[in-house]
Structure formats: structure tokens, C-alpha cells
Amino acid sequence: MHINILAGGPEELLPDLNEYTGGDEIWIGVDRGVYTLIKRNITPSIAFGDFDSVSNHEISVIEEYVKEMKRFKPEKNETDMELALNWAIEQNPDFIRIFGATGGRLDHLLANVHLLVKPLMEANVMNIFLIDNQNILSLKGPGSYKIEERVDKKYVSFVPLTLNVKGLTLDGFKYPLQNRHISIGSTLCISNELINEYGTFSFSEGILLVIRSND
């Protein structure tokens, strides 16, 4: 089982959501993302939000289609996305994909990236991805990972999110590294490319933001 979450980011930045339907998935709508799902003929199983970004007509449509709604006051300690992600993690899915969370307001983008840190800090190795029509983002803790070539996501970047990422090794890349320490703010590992069908990366300490992109 896997969970797809749609937030209320700009619709023009969304990939084709139909590519992520038809399997063993649960769809969650967050705030305006609930209405966007319904417009795209995808009925979310559950909705989260204060719904301050939808009109009265849109909320009536949402209430007609969605059986389970978690409504909150705008004044709260967590964002709507955080509440939805916490619920999704509790379901223990194989992985979580989040859409509509990377465009528009930069504070929302940064907050959504940092939401992925908490599962890592709690030793939860669940795969969580932020996806738009140009990028796939994920966070990784220390370990060794295999990464496969994707024609539609040519570039691979590694961005440190902690003060130091130690022992970073890249094999099978155009610009390889061997046991390199990189610090937060470094742009050393931006826009790398795989030279084979797959490559590997590993590191011994820190947290890396892994971004796969196309132009």
C-alpha cells in the first residue's frame, strides 16, 4: 500500500496524476488540493485542512465527495500538510508521494522539505517523495543507496541539510566523489549525471536532500 498526498500548490506545476493512480494507493487531499483531486476525477479517501483557500461552492463540492474530513482552525501549531503527513506515516505505507508542495510560496516549500527530516530523525526509513512536473525530491540518512537512470530526470543533485555530510562517495556518475566531506551551503554536488544504467551513493554522517530534475 502506498499513499499519495496532494497539497494546494499551483496546478500548472503538477505532473499527470493519472500516472500515479490505478494501483494500491490511498489519496489524501490537503486544503485546496482536495478540490483539485475532485476536478481530476480522483476521489480522496480523506481530506485535511482549514479550507481557507476554497470558496463556499468548492467546499460544498468537497463535502459531497469526501467521506472523511479532518477540519482544523487556521490558528494551529501544525500546517495542514504536516497533519496529513503525520496521518500518512501512521498508516505504515510502503512509500508516500507528495504533490502540489513545491511551487508557489517559498516558505511552504521549505517547510515541506523540512517535514521530511522528522521521520529520518525518528529512525523511520520510509521513502517519502516530493514530486512536481520537473523534480523528484527525497531525503536520505547515512547509508548506501542504488540510483537508477531516468531519461525524464537527467540531473541528480545532492544538497546537504546538516552542518556536515561526511564520507560522501558517488560511483557511476559523470563527476564521481570518493569519501568527501561536504558542508551545508556547498554547491559541489549540483547537476551531476549518471553515466550508466544505475549508480550508487553512500555517506556515513548527516542528511542529504536528493533532487532528480529535468530542464
N, C-alpha and C. Protein backbone atom coordinates (compact mmCIF):
# COMPACT_ATOMS: atom_id res chain seq x y z
N MET A 1 0.85 -1.19 0.00
CA MET A 1 0.00 0.00 0.00
C MET A 1 0.89 1.24 0.00
N HIS A 2 0.50 2.21 -0.81
CA HIS A 2 1.21 3.48 -0.79
C HIS A 2 0.21 4.63 -0.75
N ILE A 3 0.69 5.79 -0.32
CA ILE A 3 -0.18 6.94 -0.10
C ILE A 3 0.30 8.10 -0.95
N ASN A 4 -0.64 8.71 -1.66
CA ASN A 4 -0.40 9.93 -2.43
C ASN A 4 -1.09 11.10 -1.74
N ILE A 5 -0.37 12.19 -1.57
CA ILE A 5 -0.92 13.39 -0.94
C ILE A 5 -0.86 14.54 -1.94
N LEU A 6 -1.96 15.23 -2.12
CA LEU A 6 -1.96 16.42 -2.97
C LEU A 6 -2.24 17.65 -2.15
N ALA A 7 -1.27 18.58 -2.14
CA ALA A 7 -1.44 19.86 -1.46
C ALA A 7 -1.98 20.89 -2.45
N GLY A 8 -2.04 22.13 -2.00
CA GLY A 8 -2.72 23.16 -2.79
C GLY A 8 -1.81 24.04 -3.62
N GLY A 9 -0.63 23.54 -4.01
CA GLY A 9 0.29 24.32 -4.83
C GLY A 9 -0.24 24.56 -6.23
N PRO A 10 0.46 25.37 -7.03
CA PRO A 10 -0.02 25.72 -8.38
C PRO A 10 -0.27 24.49 -9.25
N GLU A 11 -1.43 24.43 -9.85
CA GLU A 11 -1.79 23.26 -10.65
C GLU A 11 -0.89 23.09 -11.87
N GLU A 12 -0.35 24.19 -12.40
CA GLU A 12 0.47 24.09 -13.60
C GLU A 12 1.79 23.37 -13.33
N LEU A 13 2.15 23.20 -12.07
CA LEU A 13 3.39 22.50 -11.73
C LEU A 13 3.17 21.03 -11.42
N LEU A 14 1.92 20.58 -11.49
CA LEU A 14 1.64 19.17 -11.19
C LEU A 14 2.01 18.27 -12.37
N PRO A 15 2.51 17.07 -12.09
CA PRO A 15 2.66 16.08 -13.16
C PRO A 15 1.28 15.52 -13.49
N ASP A 16 1.23 14.60 -14.43
CA ASP A 16 -0.02 13.92 -14.76
C ASP A 16 -0.35 12.95 -13.64
N LEU A 17 -1.34 13.30 -12.82
CA LEU A 17 -1.66 12.48 -11.66
C LEU A 17 -2.21 11.12 -12.05
N ASN A 18 -2.73 10.98 -13.26
CA ASN A 18 -3.24 9.69 -13.70
C ASN A 18 -2.15 8.63 -13.77
N GLU A 19 -0.90 9.08 -13.89
CA GLU A 19 0.21 8.13 -13.91
C GLU A 19 0.43 7.48 -12.54
N TYR A 20 -0.20 8.04 -11.51
CA TYR A 20 0.00 7.55 -10.15
C TYR A 20 -1.27 6.94 -9.58
N THR A 21 -2.23 6.63 -10.43
CA THR A 21 -3.47 6.02 -10.00
C THR A 21 -3.58 4.61 -10.57
N GLY A 22 -4.54 3.86 -10.06
CA GLY A 22 -4.80 2.53 -10.59
C GLY A 22 -4.11 1.42 -9.84
N GLY A 23 -3.30 1.75 -8.84
CA GLY A 23 -2.63 0.74 -8.05
C GLY A 23 -3.20 0.66 -6.65
N ASP A 24 -2.40 0.18 -5.75
CA ASP A 24 -2.82 0.03 -4.36
C ASP A 24 -2.48 1.30 -3.59
N GLU A 25 -3.21 2.40 -3.90
CA GLU A 25 -2.88 3.66 -3.27
C GLU A 25 -4.08 4.27 -2.57
N ILE A 26 -3.77 5.10 -1.58
CA ILE A 26 -4.76 5.93 -0.90
C ILE A 26 -4.42 7.38 -1.25
N TRP A 27 -5.42 8.14 -1.69
CA TRP A 27 -5.21 9.55 -1.98
C TRP A 27 -5.68 10.40 -0.81
N ILE A 28 -4.85 11.36 -0.44
CA ILE A 28 -5.19 12.34 0.59
C ILE A 28 -5.18 13.72 -0.05
N GLY A 29 -6.21 14.50 0.23
CA GLY A 29 -6.23 15.89 -0.22
C GLY A 29 -5.95 16.83 0.93
N VAL A 30 -5.16 17.86 0.66
CA VAL A 30 -4.82 18.86 1.67
C VAL A 30 -5.32 20.21 1.20
N ASP A 31 -6.26 20.77 1.97
CA ASP A 31 -6.82 22.08 1.70
C ASP A 31 -7.31 22.17 0.23
N ARG A 32 -6.81 23.11 -0.55
CA ARG A 32 -7.31 23.26 -1.92
C ARG A 32 -6.98 22.05 -2.79
N GLY A 33 -5.99 21.28 -2.39
CA GLY A 33 -5.66 20.07 -3.13
C GLY A 33 -6.80 19.07 -3.19
N VAL A 34 -7.69 19.12 -2.22
CA VAL A 34 -8.86 18.23 -2.23
C VAL A 34 -9.72 18.53 -3.45
N TYR A 35 -10.00 19.81 -3.65
CA TYR A 35 -10.83 20.21 -4.78
C TYR A 35 -10.14 19.91 -6.11
N THR A 36 -8.82 20.09 -6.16
CA THR A 36 -8.07 19.78 -7.38
C THR A 36 -8.19 18.29 -7.72
N LEU A 37 -8.10 17.44 -6.73
CA LEU A 37 -8.26 16.00 -6.97
C LEU A 37 -9.64 15.69 -7.55
N ILE A 38 -10.66 16.27 -6.96
CA ILE A 38 -12.02 16.01 -7.42
C ILE A 38 -12.19 16.47 -8.87
N LYS A 39 -11.63 17.62 -9.21
CA LYS A 39 -11.69 18.11 -10.59
C LYS A 39 -11.02 17.15 -11.55
N ARG A 40 -10.04 16.42 -11.08
CA ARG A 40 -9.30 15.48 -11.93
C ARG A 40 -9.84 14.06 -11.80
N ASN A 41 -11.07 13.96 -11.30
CA ASN A 41 -11.77 12.66 -11.20
C ASN A 41 -11.05 11.67 -10.31
N ILE A 42 -10.39 12.18 -9.27
CA ILE A 42 -9.78 11.34 -8.25
C ILE A 42 -10.44 11.69 -6.92
N THR A 43 -11.07 10.72 -6.30
CA THR A 43 -11.76 10.97 -5.04
C THR A 43 -10.84 10.62 -3.88
N PRO A 44 -10.45 11.60 -3.09
CA PRO A 44 -9.58 11.30 -1.95
C PRO A 44 -10.32 10.53 -0.87
N SER A 45 -9.59 9.66 -0.21
CA SER A 45 -10.18 8.88 0.89
C SER A 45 -10.37 9.73 2.13
N ILE A 46 -9.51 10.75 2.28
CA ILE A 46 -9.57 11.60 3.46
C ILE A 46 -9.03 12.97 3.09
N ALA A 47 -9.53 14.00 3.76
CA ALA A 47 -9.13 15.38 3.49
C ALA A 47 -8.68 16.05 4.78
N PHE A 48 -7.63 16.88 4.67
CA PHE A 48 -7.11 17.63 5.81
C PHE A 48 -7.07 19.10 5.45
N GLY A 49 -7.39 19.97 6.42
CA GLY A 49 -7.20 21.38 6.15
C GLY A 49 -8.10 22.28 6.95
N ASP A 50 -7.76 23.58 6.91
CA ASP A 50 -8.67 24.59 7.45
C ASP A 50 -9.58 25.13 6.35
N PHE A 51 -9.22 24.81 5.09
CA PHE A 51 -10.03 25.13 3.91
C PHE A 51 -10.32 26.63 3.78
N ASP A 52 -9.31 27.42 4.14
CA ASP A 52 -9.45 28.86 3.99
C ASP A 52 -9.09 29.33 2.58
N SER A 53 -8.66 28.39 1.72
CA SER A 53 -8.29 28.75 0.35
C SER A 53 -9.30 28.26 -0.68
N VAL A 54 -10.47 27.83 -0.23
CA VAL A 54 -11.52 27.39 -1.16
C VAL A 54 -12.77 28.23 -0.94
N SER A 55 -13.58 28.34 -1.99
CA SER A 55 -14.82 29.12 -1.92
C SER A 55 -15.93 28.29 -1.26
N ASN A 56 -17.03 28.93 -0.98
CA ASN A 56 -18.18 28.22 -0.40
C ASN A 56 -18.67 27.13 -1.34
N HIS A 57 -18.70 27.43 -2.63
CA HIS A 57 -19.12 26.41 -3.61
C HIS A 57 -18.16 25.23 -3.61
N GLU A 58 -16.87 25.54 -3.58
CA GLU A 58 -15.88 24.46 -3.63
C GLU A 58 -15.93 23.59 -2.39
N ILE A 59 -16.16 24.19 -1.23
CA ILE A 59 -16.24 23.38 -0.01
C ILE A 59 -17.48 22.51 -0.02
N SER A 60 -18.55 22.98 -0.65
CA SER A 60 -19.76 22.15 -0.75
C SER A 60 -19.52 20.94 -1.66
N VAL A 61 -18.74 21.15 -2.71
CA VAL A 61 -18.38 20.03 -3.59
C VAL A 61 -17.51 19.03 -2.83
N ILE A 62 -16.55 19.55 -2.09
CA ILE A 62 -15.67 18.68 -1.30
C ILE A 62 -16.49 17.84 -0.32
N GLU A 63 -17.41 18.47 0.38
CA GLU A 63 -18.23 17.76 1.37
C GLU A 63 -19.11 16.70 0.71
N GLU A 64 -19.48 16.93 -0.55
CA GLU A 64 -20.29 15.95 -1.27
C GLU A 64 -19.50 14.69 -1.63
N TYR A 65 -18.23 14.86 -1.96
CA TYR A 65 -17.44 13.74 -2.48
C TYR A 65 -16.59 13.02 -1.43
N VAL A 66 -16.15 13.74 -0.42
CA VAL A 66 -15.20 13.15 0.53
C VAL A 66 -15.92 12.71 1.80
N LYS A 67 -15.77 11.44 2.12
CA LYS A 67 -16.49 10.88 3.26
C LYS A 67 -15.85 11.25 4.60
N GLU A 68 -14.53 11.35 4.62
CA GLU A 68 -13.85 11.63 5.88
C GLU A 68 -13.06 12.93 5.75
N MET A 69 -13.42 13.91 6.57
CA MET A 69 -12.74 15.20 6.53
C MET A 69 -12.20 15.54 7.92
N LYS A 70 -10.94 15.96 7.95
CA LYS A 70 -10.32 16.43 9.17
C LYS A 70 -10.18 17.95 9.06
N ARG A 71 -11.09 18.67 9.71
CA ARG A 71 -11.11 20.12 9.60
C ARG A 71 -10.48 20.75 10.83
N PHE A 72 -9.69 21.81 10.61
CA PHE A 72 -8.96 22.44 11.69
C PHE A 72 -9.11 23.96 11.59
N LYS A 73 -8.93 24.62 12.69
CA LYS A 73 -8.93 26.08 12.69
C LYS A 73 -7.64 26.58 12.05
N PRO A 74 -7.69 27.75 11.39
CA PRO A 74 -6.47 28.30 10.79
C PRO A 74 -5.37 28.54 11.83
N GLU A 75 -5.76 28.86 13.07
CA GLU A 75 -4.78 29.12 14.12
C GLU A 75 -4.42 27.80 14.79
N LYS A 76 -3.30 27.21 14.37
CA LYS A 76 -2.87 25.92 14.92
C LYS A 76 -1.35 25.83 14.84
N ASN A 77 -0.79 24.87 15.54
CA ASN A 77 0.66 24.74 15.61
C ASN A 77 1.25 24.02 14.41
N GLU A 78 0.47 23.17 13.74
CA GLU A 78 0.96 22.41 12.59
C GLU A 78 0.34 22.95 11.31
N THR A 79 1.08 22.81 10.20
CA THR A 79 0.48 23.12 8.91
C THR A 79 -0.46 21.99 8.52
N ASP A 80 -1.34 22.29 7.56
CA ASP A 80 -2.24 21.25 7.06
C ASP A 80 -1.45 20.07 6.50
N MET A 81 -0.35 20.36 5.79
CA MET A 81 0.47 19.30 5.23
C MET A 81 1.09 18.43 6.32
N GLU A 82 1.54 19.06 7.40
CA GLU A 82 2.14 18.27 8.48
C GLU A 82 1.12 17.32 9.10
N LEU A 83 -0.10 17.79 9.28
CA LEU A 83 -1.15 16.94 9.83
C LEU A 83 -1.45 15.76 8.91
N ALA A 84 -1.50 16.03 7.62
CA ALA A 84 -1.76 14.97 6.65
C ALA A 84 -0.61 13.97 6.60
N LEU A 85 0.63 14.48 6.61
CA LEU A 85 1.79 13.59 6.55
C LEU A 85 1.90 12.74 7.80
N ASN A 86 1.63 13.31 8.96
CA ASN A 86 1.66 12.53 10.19
C ASN A 86 0.67 11.37 10.12
N TRP A 87 -0.52 11.65 9.62
CA TRP A 87 -1.53 10.59 9.48
C TRP A 87 -1.04 9.52 8.50
N ALA A 88 -0.46 9.96 7.39
CA ALA A 88 0.01 9.01 6.38
C ALA A 88 1.10 8.10 6.94
N ILE A 89 2.03 8.66 7.69
CA ILE A 89 3.11 7.87 8.27
C ILE A 89 2.55 6.82 9.23
N GLU A 90 1.52 7.19 9.98
CA GLU A 90 0.92 6.24 10.93
C GLU A 90 0.30 5.02 10.25
N GLN A 91 -0.03 5.15 8.96
CA GLN A 91 -0.62 4.02 8.23
C GLN A 91 0.43 3.01 7.81
N ASN A 92 1.70 3.36 7.98
CA ASN A 92 2.83 2.48 7.64
C ASN A 92 2.79 1.99 6.19
N PRO A 93 2.69 2.91 5.23
CA PRO A 93 2.67 2.50 3.82
C PRO A 93 4.07 2.14 3.34
N ASP A 94 4.14 1.56 2.15
CA ASP A 94 5.45 1.25 1.56
C ASP A 94 6.21 2.54 1.23
N PHE A 95 5.48 3.54 0.73
CA PHE A 95 6.08 4.84 0.49
C PHE A 95 4.98 5.89 0.38
N ILE A 96 5.41 7.15 0.45
CA ILE A 96 4.48 8.28 0.37
C ILE A 96 4.96 9.21 -0.73
N ARG A 97 4.04 9.63 -1.60
CA ARG A 97 4.36 10.62 -2.63
C ARG A 97 3.53 11.87 -2.36
N ILE A 98 4.20 13.03 -2.40
CA ILE A 98 3.53 14.30 -2.11
C ILE A 98 3.61 15.18 -3.34
N PHE A 99 2.45 15.66 -3.78
CA PHE A 99 2.35 16.54 -4.94
C PHE A 99 1.81 17.90 -4.50
N GLY A 100 2.04 18.91 -5.35
CA GLY A 100 1.49 20.23 -5.06
C GLY A 100 2.13 20.90 -3.86
N ALA A 101 3.39 20.52 -3.55
CA ALA A 101 4.04 21.04 -2.34
C ALA A 101 5.33 21.77 -2.63
N THR A 102 5.67 21.99 -3.91
CA THR A 102 6.97 22.57 -4.23
C THR A 102 6.88 23.93 -4.92
N GLY A 103 5.72 24.37 -5.34
CA GLY A 103 5.62 25.63 -6.08
C GLY A 103 4.85 26.67 -5.29
N GLY A 104 4.92 27.91 -5.75
CA GLY A 104 4.19 28.98 -5.07
C GLY A 104 5.03 29.61 -3.97
N ARG A 105 4.52 29.59 -2.76
CA ARG A 105 5.17 30.26 -1.63
C ARG A 105 6.43 29.51 -1.21
N LEU A 106 7.54 30.24 -1.09
CA LEU A 106 8.81 29.63 -0.71
C LEU A 106 8.80 29.13 0.73
N ASP A 107 8.06 29.82 1.62
CA ASP A 107 8.01 29.34 3.00
C ASP A 107 7.35 27.98 3.07
N HIS A 108 6.32 27.76 2.22
CA HIS A 108 5.68 26.45 2.19
C HIS A 108 6.63 25.39 1.64
N LEU A 109 7.37 25.73 0.58
CA LEU A 109 8.32 24.78 0.01
C LEU A 109 9.35 24.35 1.04
N LEU A 110 9.97 25.32 1.72
CA LEU A 110 11.00 24.99 2.70
C LEU A 110 10.41 24.20 3.87
N ALA A 111 9.23 24.58 4.30
CA ALA A 111 8.58 23.84 5.40
C ALA A 111 8.30 22.41 4.99
N ASN A 112 7.86 22.20 3.75
CA ASN A 112 7.54 20.85 3.30
C ASN A 112 8.79 19.99 3.16
N VAL A 113 9.90 20.59 2.71
CA VAL A 113 11.16 19.84 2.66
C VAL A 113 11.58 19.44 4.07
N HIS A 114 11.47 20.36 5.01
CA HIS A 114 11.91 20.06 6.37
C HIS A 114 10.97 19.08 7.08
N LEU A 115 9.74 18.94 6.61
CA LEU A 115 8.86 17.93 7.19
C LEU A 115 9.41 16.53 6.99
N LEU A 116 10.24 16.34 5.96
CA LEU A 116 10.79 15.02 5.68
C LEU A 116 11.93 14.66 6.63
N VAL A 117 12.43 15.65 7.39
CA VAL A 117 13.54 15.39 8.31
C VAL A 117 13.07 14.58 9.51
N LYS A 118 11.89 14.87 10.02
CA LYS A 118 11.42 14.24 11.24
C LYS A 118 11.40 12.72 11.16
N PRO A 119 10.86 12.11 10.09
CA PRO A 119 10.90 10.64 10.03
C PRO A 119 12.32 10.09 10.08
N LEU A 120 13.28 10.78 9.44
CA LEU A 120 14.66 10.32 9.50
C LEU A 120 15.21 10.40 10.92
N MET A 121 14.92 11.49 11.61
CA MET A 121 15.42 11.66 12.97
C MET A 121 14.82 10.63 13.92
N GLU A 122 13.64 10.13 13.58
CA GLU A 122 12.98 9.12 14.41
C GLU A 122 13.29 7.71 13.92
N ALA A 123 14.31 7.59 13.06
CA ALA A 123 14.77 6.29 12.54
C ALA A 123 13.69 5.59 11.74
N ASN A 124 12.81 6.37 11.10
CA ASN A 124 11.80 5.81 10.21
C ASN A 124 12.37 5.86 8.79
N VAL A 125 12.63 4.69 8.20
CA VAL A 125 13.30 4.65 6.90
C VAL A 125 12.32 4.70 5.73
N MET A 126 11.09 5.04 6.02
CA MET A 126 10.07 5.13 4.97
C MET A 126 10.48 6.10 3.87
N ASN A 127 10.24 5.72 2.63
CA ASN A 127 10.55 6.57 1.50
C ASN A 127 9.43 7.58 1.29
N ILE A 128 9.77 8.86 1.31
CA ILE A 128 8.81 9.94 1.09
C ILE A 128 9.37 10.82 -0.01
N PHE A 129 8.55 11.11 -1.02
CA PHE A 129 9.00 11.87 -2.18
C PHE A 129 8.12 13.10 -2.38
N LEU A 130 8.77 14.25 -2.67
CA LEU A 130 8.06 15.44 -3.13
C LEU A 130 8.20 15.47 -4.65
N ILE A 131 7.09 15.54 -5.37
CA ILE A 131 7.12 15.40 -6.82
C ILE A 131 6.36 16.55 -7.48
N ASP A 132 6.98 17.16 -8.50
CA ASP A 132 6.25 18.07 -9.38
C ASP A 132 6.58 17.69 -10.83
N ASN A 133 6.22 18.54 -11.77
CA ASN A 133 6.41 18.18 -13.17
C ASN A 133 7.86 18.26 -13.62
N GLN A 134 8.76 18.69 -12.74
CA GLN A 134 10.16 18.86 -13.12
C GLN A 134 11.13 18.20 -12.15
N ASN A 135 10.67 17.87 -10.95
CA ASN A 135 11.59 17.41 -9.90
C ASN A 135 10.99 16.27 -9.07
N ILE A 136 11.90 15.46 -8.54
CA ILE A 136 11.58 14.49 -7.50
C ILE A 136 12.58 14.71 -6.37
N LEU A 137 12.08 15.01 -5.17
CA LEU A 137 12.93 15.28 -4.02
C LEU A 137 12.73 14.21 -2.97
N SER A 138 13.83 13.82 -2.32
CA SER A 138 13.74 12.91 -1.19
C SER A 138 14.90 13.19 -0.25
N LEU A 139 14.77 12.76 0.99
CA LEU A 139 15.84 12.90 1.97
C LEU A 139 16.42 11.53 2.30
N LYS A 140 17.73 11.50 2.52
CA LYS A 140 18.39 10.25 2.86
C LYS A 140 19.29 10.47 4.07
N GLY A 141 19.29 9.46 4.95
CA GLY A 141 20.21 9.42 6.07
C GLY A 141 21.40 8.56 5.71
N PRO A 142 22.37 8.44 6.61
CA PRO A 142 23.59 7.68 6.33
C PRO A 142 23.28 6.27 5.84
N GLY A 143 24.06 5.84 4.83
CA GLY A 143 23.87 4.51 4.27
C GLY A 143 24.38 4.47 2.85
N SER A 144 24.07 3.36 2.17
CA SER A 144 24.48 3.16 0.78
C SER A 144 23.23 2.94 -0.05
N TYR A 145 23.14 3.60 -1.19
CA TYR A 145 21.93 3.59 -2.00
C TYR A 145 22.23 3.37 -3.48
N LYS A 146 21.36 2.65 -4.14
CA LYS A 146 21.43 2.48 -5.59
C LYS A 146 20.45 3.46 -6.22
N ILE A 147 20.86 4.09 -7.31
CA ILE A 147 20.01 5.05 -8.01
C ILE A 147 20.02 4.73 -9.50
N GLU A 148 18.84 4.58 -10.07
CA GLU A 148 18.72 4.17 -11.47
C GLU A 148 18.58 5.38 -12.39
N GLU A 149 19.09 5.22 -13.60
CA GLU A 149 18.99 6.27 -14.61
C GLU A 149 17.54 6.49 -15.00
N ARG A 150 17.17 7.74 -15.18
CA ARG A 150 15.83 8.11 -15.66
C ARG A 150 16.00 9.14 -16.77
N VAL A 151 15.51 8.81 -17.95
CA VAL A 151 15.64 9.72 -19.09
C VAL A 151 14.91 11.03 -18.81
N ASP A 152 13.78 10.94 -18.10
CA ASP A 152 12.98 12.14 -17.84
C ASP A 152 13.49 12.94 -16.65
N LYS A 153 14.48 12.43 -15.93
CA LYS A 153 15.07 13.15 -14.79
C LYS A 153 16.58 12.99 -14.89
N LYS A 154 17.17 13.70 -15.83
CA LYS A 154 18.57 13.53 -16.20
C LYS A 154 19.54 13.95 -15.09
N TYR A 155 19.22 15.02 -14.39
CA TYR A 155 20.16 15.60 -13.44
C TYR A 155 19.90 15.09 -12.02
N VAL A 156 20.99 14.84 -11.31
CA VAL A 156 20.91 14.39 -9.92
C VAL A 156 21.76 15.32 -9.07
N SER A 157 21.15 15.92 -8.06
CA SER A 157 21.86 16.83 -7.17
C SER A 157 21.77 16.32 -5.74
N PHE A 158 22.86 16.56 -5.00
CA PHE A 158 22.92 16.17 -3.59
C PHE A 158 23.20 17.42 -2.77
N VAL A 159 22.25 17.79 -1.92
CA VAL A 159 22.33 19.04 -1.15
C VAL A 159 22.37 18.69 0.34
N PRO A 160 23.44 19.06 1.06
CA PRO A 160 23.49 18.77 2.50
C PRO A 160 22.48 19.61 3.27
N LEU A 161 21.74 18.97 4.16
CA LEU A 161 20.78 19.67 5.01
C LEU A 161 21.27 19.77 6.44
N THR A 162 22.39 19.15 6.73
CA THR A 162 23.00 19.25 8.05
C THR A 162 24.33 19.98 7.91
N LEU A 163 24.91 20.35 9.05
CA LEU A 163 26.14 21.14 9.03
C LEU A 163 27.21 20.45 8.20
N ASN A 164 27.31 19.12 8.34
CA ASN A 164 28.28 18.37 7.56
C ASN A 164 27.67 17.05 7.10
N VAL A 165 28.00 16.67 5.88
CA VAL A 165 27.73 15.32 5.38
C VAL A 165 29.09 14.69 5.14
N LYS A 166 29.35 13.58 5.83
CA LYS A 166 30.69 13.01 5.83
C LYS A 166 30.77 11.73 5.01
N GLY A 167 31.90 11.58 4.32
CA GLY A 167 32.20 10.34 3.61
C GLY A 167 31.39 10.13 2.36
N LEU A 168 30.98 11.21 1.69
CA LEU A 168 30.13 11.05 0.50
C LEU A 168 30.94 10.45 -0.65
N THR A 169 30.43 9.35 -1.17
CA THR A 169 31.05 8.66 -2.30
C THR A 169 30.01 8.49 -3.40
N LEU A 170 30.36 8.89 -4.61
CA LEU A 170 29.48 8.77 -5.78
C LEU A 170 30.17 7.87 -6.80
N ASP A 171 29.54 6.77 -7.16
CA ASP A 171 30.06 5.86 -8.19
C ASP A 171 29.06 5.77 -9.33
N GLY A 172 29.57 5.74 -10.57
CA GLY A 172 28.70 5.64 -11.73
C GLY A 172 28.16 6.99 -12.18
N PHE A 173 28.79 8.06 -11.71
CA PHE A 173 28.36 9.42 -12.05
C PHE A 173 29.41 10.09 -12.94
N LYS A 174 28.96 11.09 -13.69
CA LYS A 174 29.86 11.87 -14.53
C LYS A 174 30.94 12.55 -13.70
N TYR A 175 30.55 13.00 -12.50
CA TYR A 175 31.50 13.64 -11.58
C TYR A 175 31.53 12.80 -10.30
N PRO A 176 32.42 11.81 -10.24
CA PRO A 176 32.46 10.92 -9.07
C PRO A 176 33.10 11.61 -7.87
N LEU A 177 32.83 11.06 -6.71
CA LEU A 177 33.47 11.51 -5.47
C LEU A 177 33.92 10.29 -4.69
N GLN A 178 34.93 10.48 -3.85
CA GLN A 178 35.41 9.40 -3.01
C GLN A 178 35.63 9.92 -1.59
N ASN A 179 34.77 9.50 -0.69
CA ASN A 179 34.93 9.79 0.74
C ASN A 179 35.13 11.28 1.00
N ARG A 180 34.25 12.09 0.42
CA ARG A 180 34.36 13.54 0.52
C ARG A 180 33.43 14.09 1.59
N HIS A 181 33.91 15.02 2.37
CA HIS A 181 33.07 15.72 3.34
C HIS A 181 32.56 17.01 2.69
N ILE A 182 31.26 17.25 2.77
CA ILE A 182 30.70 18.49 2.26
C ILE A 182 29.86 19.13 3.36
N SER A 183 29.81 20.44 3.38
CA SER A 183 29.11 21.17 4.44
C SER A 183 27.88 21.87 3.88
N ILE A 184 27.00 22.25 4.78
CA ILE A 184 25.79 22.95 4.38
C ILE A 184 26.17 24.24 3.66
N GLY A 185 25.50 24.53 2.57
CA GLY A 185 25.83 25.67 1.74
C GLY A 185 26.69 25.31 0.55
N SER A 186 27.21 24.08 0.51
CA SER A 186 28.06 23.66 -0.61
C SER A 186 27.22 23.41 -1.86
N THR A 187 27.76 23.81 -3.01
CA THR A 187 27.12 23.53 -4.31
C THR A 187 27.95 22.53 -5.12
N LEU A 188 28.85 21.81 -4.45
CA LEU A 188 29.74 20.88 -5.13
C LEU A 188 28.97 19.81 -5.91
N CYS A 189 27.86 19.35 -5.37
CA CYS A 189 27.18 18.19 -5.94
C CYS A 189 25.88 18.55 -6.66
N ILE A 190 25.86 19.71 -7.28
CA ILE A 190 24.69 20.14 -8.04
C ILE A 190 24.83 19.70 -9.50
N SER A 191 23.73 19.23 -10.10
CA SER A 191 23.65 18.90 -11.53
C SER A 191 24.66 17.84 -11.97
N ASN A 192 24.72 16.76 -11.22
CA ASN A 192 25.51 15.61 -11.64
C ASN A 192 24.65 14.77 -12.58
N GLU A 193 25.27 13.78 -13.22
CA GLU A 193 24.55 12.91 -14.15
C GLU A 193 25.07 11.48 -14.02
N LEU A 194 24.17 10.52 -14.19
CA LEU A 194 24.59 9.13 -14.24
C LEU A 194 25.20 8.83 -15.61
N ILE A 195 26.22 7.97 -15.63
CA ILE A 195 26.84 7.58 -16.90
C ILE A 195 26.53 6.13 -17.26
N ASN A 196 25.83 5.44 -16.37
CA ASN A 196 25.41 4.06 -16.63
C ASN A 196 23.93 3.93 -16.31
N GLU A 197 23.42 2.71 -16.41
CA GLU A 197 22.02 2.48 -16.12
C GLU A 197 21.70 2.75 -14.65
N TYR A 198 22.69 2.61 -13.81
CA TYR A 198 22.50 2.94 -12.40
C TYR A 198 23.84 3.35 -11.80
N GLY A 199 23.77 3.99 -10.66
CA GLY A 199 24.95 4.36 -9.90
C GLY A 199 24.68 4.12 -8.43
N THR A 200 25.64 4.44 -7.59
CA THR A 200 25.46 4.31 -6.16
C THR A 200 25.99 5.56 -5.47
N PHE A 201 25.41 5.87 -4.34
CA PHE A 201 25.95 6.92 -3.48
C PHE A 201 25.87 6.45 -2.04
N SER A 202 26.83 6.88 -1.25
CA SER A 202 26.87 6.48 0.15
C SER A 202 27.51 7.59 0.97
N PHE A 203 27.19 7.63 2.25
CA PHE A 203 27.81 8.57 3.17
C PHE A 203 27.61 8.05 4.58
N SER A 204 28.43 8.54 5.50
CA SER A 204 28.47 7.98 6.85
C SER A 204 27.81 8.84 7.92
N GLU A 205 27.58 10.12 7.60
CA GLU A 205 27.02 11.01 8.62
C GLU A 205 26.32 12.18 7.96
N GLY A 206 25.15 12.59 8.51
CA GLY A 206 24.44 13.76 8.00
C GLY A 206 23.15 13.39 7.31
N ILE A 207 22.52 14.38 6.69
CA ILE A 207 21.29 14.20 5.93
C ILE A 207 21.46 14.88 4.57
N LEU A 208 21.12 14.16 3.52
CA LEU A 208 21.21 14.68 2.16
C LEU A 208 19.83 14.84 1.54
N LEU A 209 19.63 15.98 0.90
CA LEU A 209 18.47 16.18 0.03
C LEU A 209 18.89 15.73 -1.37
N VAL A 210 18.20 14.74 -1.90
CA VAL A 210 18.49 14.20 -3.24
C VAL A 210 17.43 14.72 -4.19
N ILE A 211 17.87 15.41 -5.24
CA ILE A 211 16.94 16.02 -6.19
C ILE A 211 17.22 15.48 -7.59
N ARG A 212 16.20 14.91 -8.21
CA ARG A 212 16.28 14.46 -9.59
C ARG A 212 15.45 15.42 -10.42
N SER A 213 16.06 15.98 -11.48
CA SER A 213 15.42 17.07 -12.23
C SER A 213 15.60 16.92 -13.72
N ASN A 214 14.74 17.62 -14.45
CA ASN A 214 14.91 17.81 -15.90
C ASN A 214 14.80 19.30 -16.20
N ASP A 215 15.31 19.71 -17.34
CA ASP A 215 15.23 21.12 -17.73
C ASP A 215 13.79 21.50 -18.04
